[in-house]
Amino acid sequence: MFMRNLSIKKVPDTVVEKLHLRAARHRRSLQGELMEIVCRAAEADQAWDTSPRYRSAGTRNIEDIAAERRTHGDAPDAQSPCAVDIIRADRDAR
């Protein structure tokens, strides 16, 4: 596997010092600590869409809301305009 290099420029001294302290706490080199941070961030981002544990408390995705509405027997109101009609009317009004 080919490994790429990353570079971050103009990092404030205070941030660098905090990263050095964090690396020391975890008994890693600065390079090792940065690698750990980047890898964890990439893994968390990848799991964001598939795992409810990454959602903020009180948030729901559209699938959860739709399932809840179906469970309660809620159906779209036949008298309400469709989203397409609302958008079309808005565009035509310009």
C-alpha atoms as a PDB file:
ATOM      1  CA  MET A   1       0.000   0.000   0.000  1.00  0.00           C
ATOM      2  CA  PHE A   2       1.318   3.426  -0.970  1.00  0.00           C
ATOM      3  CA  MET A   3       1.482   5.909   1.924  1.00  0.00           C
ATOM      4  CA  ARG A   4       1.022   9.606   1.214  1.00  0.00           C
ATOM      5  CA  ASN A   5       2.447  12.532   3.154  1.00  0.00           C
ATOM      6  CA  LEU A   6       0.327  15.334   4.576  1.00  0.00           C
ATOM      7  CA  SER A   7       1.516  18.777   5.579  1.00  0.00           C
ATOM      8  CA  ILE A   8      -0.197  21.401   7.713  1.00  0.00           C
ATOM      9  CA  LYS A   9       1.283  24.871   7.499  1.00  0.00           C
ATOM     10  CA  LYS A  10       1.065  27.845   9.862  1.00  0.00           C
ATOM     11  CA  VAL A  11      -0.073  25.888  12.931  1.00  0.00           C
ATOM     12  CA  PRO A  12      -0.213  28.214  15.964  1.00  0.00           C
ATOM     13  CA  ASP A  13       2.469  27.566  18.587  1.00  0.00           C
ATOM     14  CA  THR A  14      -0.175  26.985  21.264  1.00  0.00           C
ATOM     15  CA  VAL A  15      -1.731  24.190  19.205  1.00  0.00           C
ATOM     16  CA  VAL A  16       1.652  22.576  18.573  1.00  0.00           C
ATOM     17  CA  GLU A  17       2.438  22.668  22.298  1.00  0.00           C
ATOM     18  CA  LYS A  18      -0.927  21.086  23.164  1.00  0.00           C
ATOM     19  CA  LEU A  19      -0.316  18.343  20.610  1.00  0.00           C
ATOM     20  CA  HIS A  20       3.151  17.676  22.051  1.00  0.00           C
ATOM     21  CA  LEU A  21       1.629  17.393  25.548  1.00  0.00           C
ATOM     22  CA  ARG A  22      -1.104  15.094  24.283  1.00  0.00           C
ATOM     23  CA  ALA A  23       1.460  12.885  22.549  1.00  0.00           C
ATOM     24  CA  ALA A  24       3.526  12.700  25.739  1.00  0.00           C
ATOM     25  CA  ARG A  25       0.441  11.724  27.772  1.00  0.00           C
ATOM     26  CA  HIS A  26      -0.213   8.873  25.352  1.00  0.00           C
ATOM     27  CA  ARG A  27       3.494   7.959  25.232  1.00  0.00           C
ATOM     28  CA  ARG A  28       3.705   8.565  21.498  1.00  0.00           C
ATOM     29  CA  SER A  29       5.815  10.708  19.237  1.00  0.00           C
ATOM     30  CA  LEU A  30       4.146  13.764  17.750  1.00  0.00           C
ATOM     31  CA  GLN A  31       3.974  11.906  14.418  1.00  0.00           C
ATOM     32  CA  GLY A  32       2.322   8.921  16.112  1.00  0.00           C
ATOM     33  CA  GLU A  33      -0.200  11.126  17.904  1.00  0.00           C
ATOM     34  CA  LEU A  34      -1.098  12.991  14.727  1.00  0.00           C
ATOM     35  CA  MET A  35      -1.510   9.687  12.868  1.00  0.00           C
ATOM     36  CA  GLU A  36      -3.863   8.446  15.613  1.00  0.00           C
ATOM     37  CA  ILE A  37      -5.936  11.648  15.491  1.00  0.00           C
ATOM     38  CA  VAL A  38      -6.217  11.560  11.697  1.00  0.00           C
ATOM     39  CA  CYS A  39      -7.079   7.833  11.586  1.00  0.00           C
ATOM     40  CA  ARG A  40      -9.762   8.188  14.267  1.00  0.00           C
ATOM     41  CA  ALA A  41     -11.262  11.193  12.493  1.00  0.00           C
ATOM     42  CA  ALA A  42     -11.394   9.293   9.190  1.00  0.00           C
ATOM     43  CA  GLU A  43     -13.019   6.256  10.829  1.00  0.00           C
ATOM     44  CA  ALA A  44     -15.573   8.377  12.696  1.00  0.00           C
ATOM     45  CA  ASP A  45     -16.488  10.246   9.530  1.00  0.00           C
ATOM     46  CA  GLN A  46     -16.976   6.986   7.644  1.00  0.00           C
ATOM     47  CA  ALA A  47     -19.235   5.569  10.366  1.00  0.00           C
ATOM     48  CA  TRP A  48     -21.253   8.773  10.744  1.00  0.00           C
ATOM     49  CA  ASP A  49     -23.999   7.837   8.293  1.00  0.00           C
ATOM     50  CA  THR A  50     -24.354   4.240   9.408  1.00  0.00           C
ATOM     51  CA  SER A  51     -24.188   4.367  13.184  1.00  0.00           C
ATOM     52  CA  PRO A  52     -26.723   6.045  15.483  1.00  0.00           C
ATOM     53  CA  ARG A  53     -24.027   6.431  18.163  1.00  0.00           C
ATOM     54  CA  TYR A  54     -22.443   9.229  16.126  1.00  0.00           C
ATOM     55  CA  ARG A  55     -25.625  11.287  16.050  1.00  0.00           C
ATOM     56  CA  SER A  56     -26.154  14.146  18.449  1.00  0.00           C
ATOM     57  CA  ALA A  57     -28.739  13.586  21.150  1.00  0.00           C
ATOM     58  CA  GLY A  58     -32.196  14.466  19.885  1.00  0.00           C
ATOM     59  CA  THR A  59     -31.402  14.244  16.176  1.00  0.00           C
ATOM     60  CA  ARG A  60     -33.075  11.882  13.754  1.00  0.00           C
ATOM     61  CA  ASN A  61     -32.447  11.093  10.129  1.00  0.00           C
ATOM     62  CA  ILE A  62     -35.146  11.155   7.467  1.00  0.00           C
ATOM     63  CA  GLU A  63     -35.519   7.370   7.488  1.00  0.00           C
ATOM     64  CA  ASP A  64     -36.290   7.402  11.236  1.00  0.00           C
ATOM     65  CA  ILE A  65     -38.864  10.164  10.821  1.00  0.00           C
ATOM     66  CA  ALA A  66     -40.569   8.412   7.887  1.00  0.00           C
ATOM     67  CA  ALA A  67     -40.714   5.110   9.793  1.00  0.00           C
ATOM     68  CA  GLU A  68     -42.202   6.865  12.817  1.00  0.00           C
ATOM     69  CA  ARG A  69     -44.839   8.562  10.663  1.00  0.00           C
ATOM     70  CA  ARG A  70     -45.785   5.236   9.023  1.00  0.00           C
ATOM     71  CA  THR A  71     -46.033   3.558  12.441  1.00  0.00           C
ATOM     72  CA  HIS A  72     -48.537   6.179  13.601  1.00  0.00           C
ATOM     73  CA  GLY A  73     -50.569   5.811  10.423  1.00  0.00           C
ATOM     74  CA  ASP A  74     -49.732   9.292   9.223  1.00  0.00           C
ATOM     75  CA  ALA A  75     -50.118   9.735   5.508  1.00  0.00           C
ATOM     76  CA  PRO A  76     -49.452  12.797   3.399  1.00  0.00           C
ATOM     77  CA  ASP A  77     -52.409  15.168   3.339  1.00  0.00           C
ATOM     78  CA  ALA A  78     -54.098  14.920  -0.056  1.00  0.00           C
ATOM     79  CA  GLN A  79     -55.018  18.620   0.165  1.00  0.00           C
ATOM     80  CA  SER A  80     -51.414  19.744   0.682  1.00  0.00           C
ATOM     81  CA  PRO A  81     -49.347  20.722  -2.353  1.00  0.00           C
ATOM     82  CA  CYS A  82     -46.462  18.510  -3.409  1.00  0.00           C
ATOM     83  CA  ALA A  83     -42.927  19.736  -2.854  1.00  0.00           C
ATOM     84  CA  VAL A  84     -42.456  19.921  -6.616  1.00  0.00           C
ATOM     85  CA  ASP A  85     -45.443  22.254  -6.939  1.00  0.00           C
ATOM     86  CA  ILE A  86     -44.164  24.501  -4.130  1.00  0.00           C
ATOM     87  CA  ILE A  87     -40.717  24.774  -5.725  1.00  0.00           C
ATOM     88  CA  ARG A  88     -42.176  25.368  -9.187  1.00  0.00           C
ATOM     89  CA  ALA A  89     -44.453  28.134  -7.866  1.00  0.00           C
ATOM     90  CA  ASP A  90     -41.520  29.743  -6.092  1.00  0.00           C
ATOM     91  CA  ARG A  91     -39.407  29.692  -9.257  1.00  0.00           C
ATOM     92  CA  ASP A  92     -42.265  31.029 -11.374  1.00  0.00           C
ATOM     93  CA  ALA A  93     -42.766  33.916  -8.940  1.00  0.00           C
ATOM     94  CA  ARG A  94     -39.283  35.282  -9.676  1.00  0.00           C
END
